Amino acid sequence: DEYDDLLDEDPELEAIRERRIREMREAQMKQAENIARGHGQYRTIMQDEFLPECTGSEYVAVHFFHNEFERCKIMDHHLKIIAPRHTTCKFVRIDAEKSPFFVSKLCIKTLPSLLVFRDGKTVDRLTGFEGLVIDPKDPDKWHTGRLQQWLAKTGAIDYKVPTAEILDEMRRLGVQPKGAVWSEENIYDE
């Protein structure tokens, strides 16, 4: 077709295409670098690994946990979902009982505690489920998206709440997102 030939010979369009290809390659290289540094997974670190982990990446989210605390297990569940989806941030967990120096230095008084670091400096902290809870009568029931929103506010990840239009399209396609992590309720149910 003659119009296709005109598009193939347009130098401005070719420049735009080349720039976009270069941007995509750079993004792919950045993601590969992040994955090589431990991003995209959620793992446990020891006290002596804390500083190298927190200074080795631009953004690091550290969950201070205790093995016997149910709420720490709930936080773990949500972070295991988030970590593979957001490779711009490294997600790690550290046993508060086995890292007394950092618990004291960072004033960790409540578990779970989630701290976000940028270039080794604390950006923000989430104590317990503060701000994530949907119903105060059931504080352990909240959506992973709420934690993603909080992380996005810190700059650690890029996340936007699905709009009504997207939710309608998901419904039309038969995609049924789950509600809170410990229930089978549907987010469309009012």
Protein backbone atom coordinates (compact mmCIF):
# COMPACT_ATOMS: atom_id res chain seq x y z
CA ASP A 1 0.00 0.00 0.00
CA GLU A 2 1.35 3.46 -0.90
CA TYR A 3 0.62 4.89 2.59
CA ASP A 4 2.67 2.16 4.26
CA ASP A 5 5.62 3.10 2.05
CA LEU A 6 5.31 6.72 3.19
CA LEU A 7 5.43 5.63 6.84
CA ASP A 8 8.52 3.49 6.24
CA GLU A 9 10.40 6.44 4.74
CA ASP A 10 9.45 9.06 7.37
CA PRO A 11 12.66 10.11 9.22
CA GLU A 12 10.74 11.51 12.23
CA LEU A 13 8.82 8.28 12.67
CA GLU A 14 12.05 6.31 12.36
CA ALA A 15 13.67 8.49 15.06
CA ILE A 16 10.72 7.91 17.38
CA ARG A 17 10.90 4.17 16.72
CA GLU A 18 14.66 4.06 17.39
CA ARG A 19 14.29 6.07 20.63
CA ARG A 20 11.54 3.74 21.86
CA ILE A 21 13.60 0.64 21.05
CA ARG A 22 16.55 2.14 22.96
CA GLU A 23 14.29 2.91 25.97
CA MET A 24 12.93 -0.63 25.96
CA ARG A 25 16.45 -2.11 25.85
CA GLU A 26 17.57 0.12 28.74
CA ALA A 27 14.53 -0.90 30.80
CA GLN A 28 15.19 -4.57 30.07
CA MET A 29 18.85 -4.20 31.08
CA LYS A 30 17.84 -2.41 34.31
CA GLN A 31 15.40 -5.19 35.15
CA ALA A 32 18.06 -7.85 34.49
CA GLU A 33 20.49 -5.98 36.76
CA ASN A 34 17.88 -5.76 39.51
CA ILE A 35 17.06 -9.46 39.27
CA ALA A 36 20.79 -10.27 39.48
CA ARG A 37 20.89 -8.20 42.73
CA GLY A 38 18.07 -10.24 44.28
CA HIS A 39 15.03 -8.24 43.21
CA GLY A 40 11.88 -10.10 42.17
CA GLN A 41 12.01 -12.46 45.11
CA TYR A 42 11.23 -12.33 48.82
CA ARG A 43 13.93 -13.84 50.98
CA THR A 44 15.23 -13.95 54.52
CA ILE A 45 18.53 -12.25 55.39
CA MET A 46 20.73 -12.38 58.48
CA GLN A 47 21.90 -9.45 60.59
CA ASP A 48 25.36 -9.35 58.93
CA GLU A 49 23.73 -9.12 55.48
CA PHE A 50 21.50 -6.18 56.42
CA LEU A 51 23.79 -3.27 55.51
CA PRO A 52 25.07 -4.72 52.20
CA GLU A 53 21.49 -5.56 51.17
CA CYS A 54 20.11 -2.13 52.09
CA THR A 55 22.90 -0.20 50.39
CA GLY A 56 23.26 -2.46 47.33
CA SER A 57 20.03 -1.36 45.63
CA GLU A 58 18.22 1.93 45.21
CA TYR A 59 15.02 0.74 46.96
CA VAL A 60 14.83 -2.00 49.58
CA ALA A 61 11.80 -3.00 51.66
CA VAL A 62 12.74 -4.82 54.88
CA HIS A 63 10.15 -6.72 56.91
CA PHE A 64 11.14 -7.19 60.56
CA PHE A 65 9.33 -10.34 61.67
CA HIS A 66 9.01 -12.96 64.38
CA ASN A 67 8.30 -16.58 63.45
CA GLU A 68 5.55 -17.01 66.02
CA PHE A 69 3.55 -13.85 65.20
CA GLU A 70 0.51 -14.51 63.02
CA ARG A 71 0.45 -10.95 61.71
CA CYS A 72 4.03 -11.33 60.48
CA LYS A 73 2.85 -14.34 58.48
CA ILE A 74 0.07 -12.23 56.97
CA MET A 75 2.61 -9.55 55.95
CA ASP A 76 4.83 -12.29 54.48
CA HIS A 77 1.92 -13.53 52.40
CA HIS A 78 1.33 -10.11 50.84
CA LEU A 79 5.03 -9.40 50.26
CA LYS A 80 5.47 -12.77 48.51
CA ILE A 81 2.78 -11.65 46.06
CA ILE A 82 4.25 -8.17 45.54
CA ALA A 83 7.97 -9.00 45.21
CA PRO A 84 7.90 -10.80 41.82
CA ARG A 85 5.68 -8.10 40.32
CA HIS A 86 7.86 -5.12 41.28
CA THR A 87 11.53 -5.59 40.46
CA THR A 88 12.38 -1.93 41.07
CA CYS A 89 12.50 -2.72 44.79
CA LYS A 90 14.29 -5.51 46.66
CA PHE A 91 12.08 -7.27 49.24
CA VAL A 92 13.74 -8.98 52.20
CA ARG A 93 12.79 -10.08 55.68
CA ILE A 94 14.89 -10.23 58.83
CA ASP A 95 14.16 -12.06 62.08
CA ALA A 96 13.81 -9.36 64.74
CA GLU A 97 14.77 -11.84 67.46
CA LYS A 98 18.10 -12.58 65.74
CA SER A 99 18.98 -8.98 64.87
CA PRO A 100 18.84 -7.03 68.14
CA PHE A 101 21.34 -4.40 66.97
CA PHE A 102 19.16 -3.20 64.07
CA VAL A 103 15.94 -3.57 66.07
CA SER A 104 17.41 -1.20 68.64
CA LYS A 105 19.10 1.14 66.15
CA LEU A 106 15.96 1.49 63.99
CA CYS A 107 13.59 1.68 67.01
CA ILE A 108 11.51 -1.35 66.02
CA LYS A 109 8.91 -1.65 68.78
CA THR A 110 6.00 -3.37 67.00
CA LEU A 111 5.94 -6.38 64.71
CA PRO A 112 5.42 -6.63 61.87
CA SER A 113 7.37 -3.55 60.84
CA LEU A 114 8.15 -2.80 57.21
CA LEU A 115 10.87 -0.25 56.49
CA VAL A 116 11.62 1.15 53.05
CA PHE A 117 15.16 2.29 52.34
CA ARG A 118 16.37 4.39 49.44
CA ASP A 119 20.12 4.33 48.85
CA GLY A 120 20.59 2.98 52.38
CA LYS A 121 18.50 5.64 54.14
CA THR A 122 15.09 5.06 55.72
CA VAL A 123 12.33 6.63 53.62
CA ASP A 124 9.27 5.39 55.50
CA ARG A 125 8.03 2.73 57.89
CA LEU A 126 4.81 0.77 58.23
CA THR A 127 4.09 -0.34 61.78
CA GLY A 128 1.71 -3.27 62.03
CA PHE A 129 -1.10 -2.87 59.49
CA GLU A 130 -1.48 0.87 60.09
CA GLY A 131 -3.49 2.38 57.23
CA LEU A 132 -4.06 -0.96 55.49
CA VAL A 133 -7.05 -2.21 57.48
CA ILE A 134 -10.44 -2.20 55.76
CA ASP A 135 -12.62 -2.99 58.78
CA PRO A 136 -11.34 -2.12 62.29
CA LYS A 137 -13.35 -5.07 63.65
CA ASP A 138 -11.25 -7.42 61.50
CA PRO A 139 -7.77 -5.84 61.33
CA ASP A 140 -6.10 -8.85 59.70
CA LYS A 141 -8.26 -8.61 56.58
CA TRP A 142 -6.95 -6.24 53.90
CA HIS A 143 -6.09 -6.22 50.21
CA THR A 144 -2.57 -6.62 48.83
CA GLY A 145 -3.33 -3.52 46.74
CA ARG A 146 -3.39 -1.42 49.91
CA LEU A 147 0.18 -2.42 50.68
CA GLN A 148 1.12 -1.74 47.06
CA GLN A 149 -0.40 1.75 47.36
CA TRP A 150 1.62 2.41 50.50
CA LEU A 151 4.83 1.19 48.82
CA ALA A 152 4.07 3.35 45.76
CA LYS A 153 3.75 6.43 48.01
CA THR A 154 7.28 5.78 49.27
CA GLY A 155 8.54 5.64 45.67
CA ALA A 156 9.69 2.02 46.00
CA ILE A 157 7.31 0.63 43.38
CA ASP A 158 5.13 1.88 40.56
CA TYR A 159 1.51 0.99 41.28
CA LYS A 160 -1.80 2.57 40.40
CA VAL A 161 -5.15 1.55 41.80
CA PRO A 162 -7.31 -0.01 39.07
CA THR A 163 -9.87 2.49 37.82
CA ALA A 164 -13.58 1.75 37.55
CA GLU A 165 -13.08 1.39 33.79
CA ILE A 166 -10.41 -1.27 34.27
CA LEU A 167 -12.53 -3.09 36.84
CA ASP A 168 -15.47 -3.06 34.39
CA GLU A 169 -13.23 -4.47 31.66
CA MET A 170 -11.96 -7.16 34.01
CA ARG A 171 -15.54 -8.08 34.86
CA ARG A 172 -16.43 -8.19 31.14
CA LEU A 173 -13.50 -10.53 30.47
CA GLY A 174 -14.43 -12.75 33.40
CA VAL A 175 -11.36 -11.88 35.48
CA GLN A 176 -12.37 -12.17 39.13
CA PRO A 177 -9.82 -10.61 41.50
CA LYS A 178 -9.97 -11.91 45.05
CA GLY A 179 -10.87 -9.72 47.98
CA ALA A 180 -8.92 -9.77 51.21
CA VAL A 181 -6.22 -12.40 51.51
CA TRP A 182 -8.02 -14.53 54.09
CA SER A 183 -11.40 -14.61 52.38
CA GLU A 184 -13.00 -15.60 49.13
CA GLU A 185 -15.12 -12.47 48.86
CA ASN A 186 -15.13 -10.65 45.56
CA ILE A 187 -14.15 -6.96 45.32
CA TYR A 188 -17.18 -6.35 43.11
CA ASP A 189 -19.55 -7.30 45.92
CA GLU A 190 -20.74 -4.22 47.76
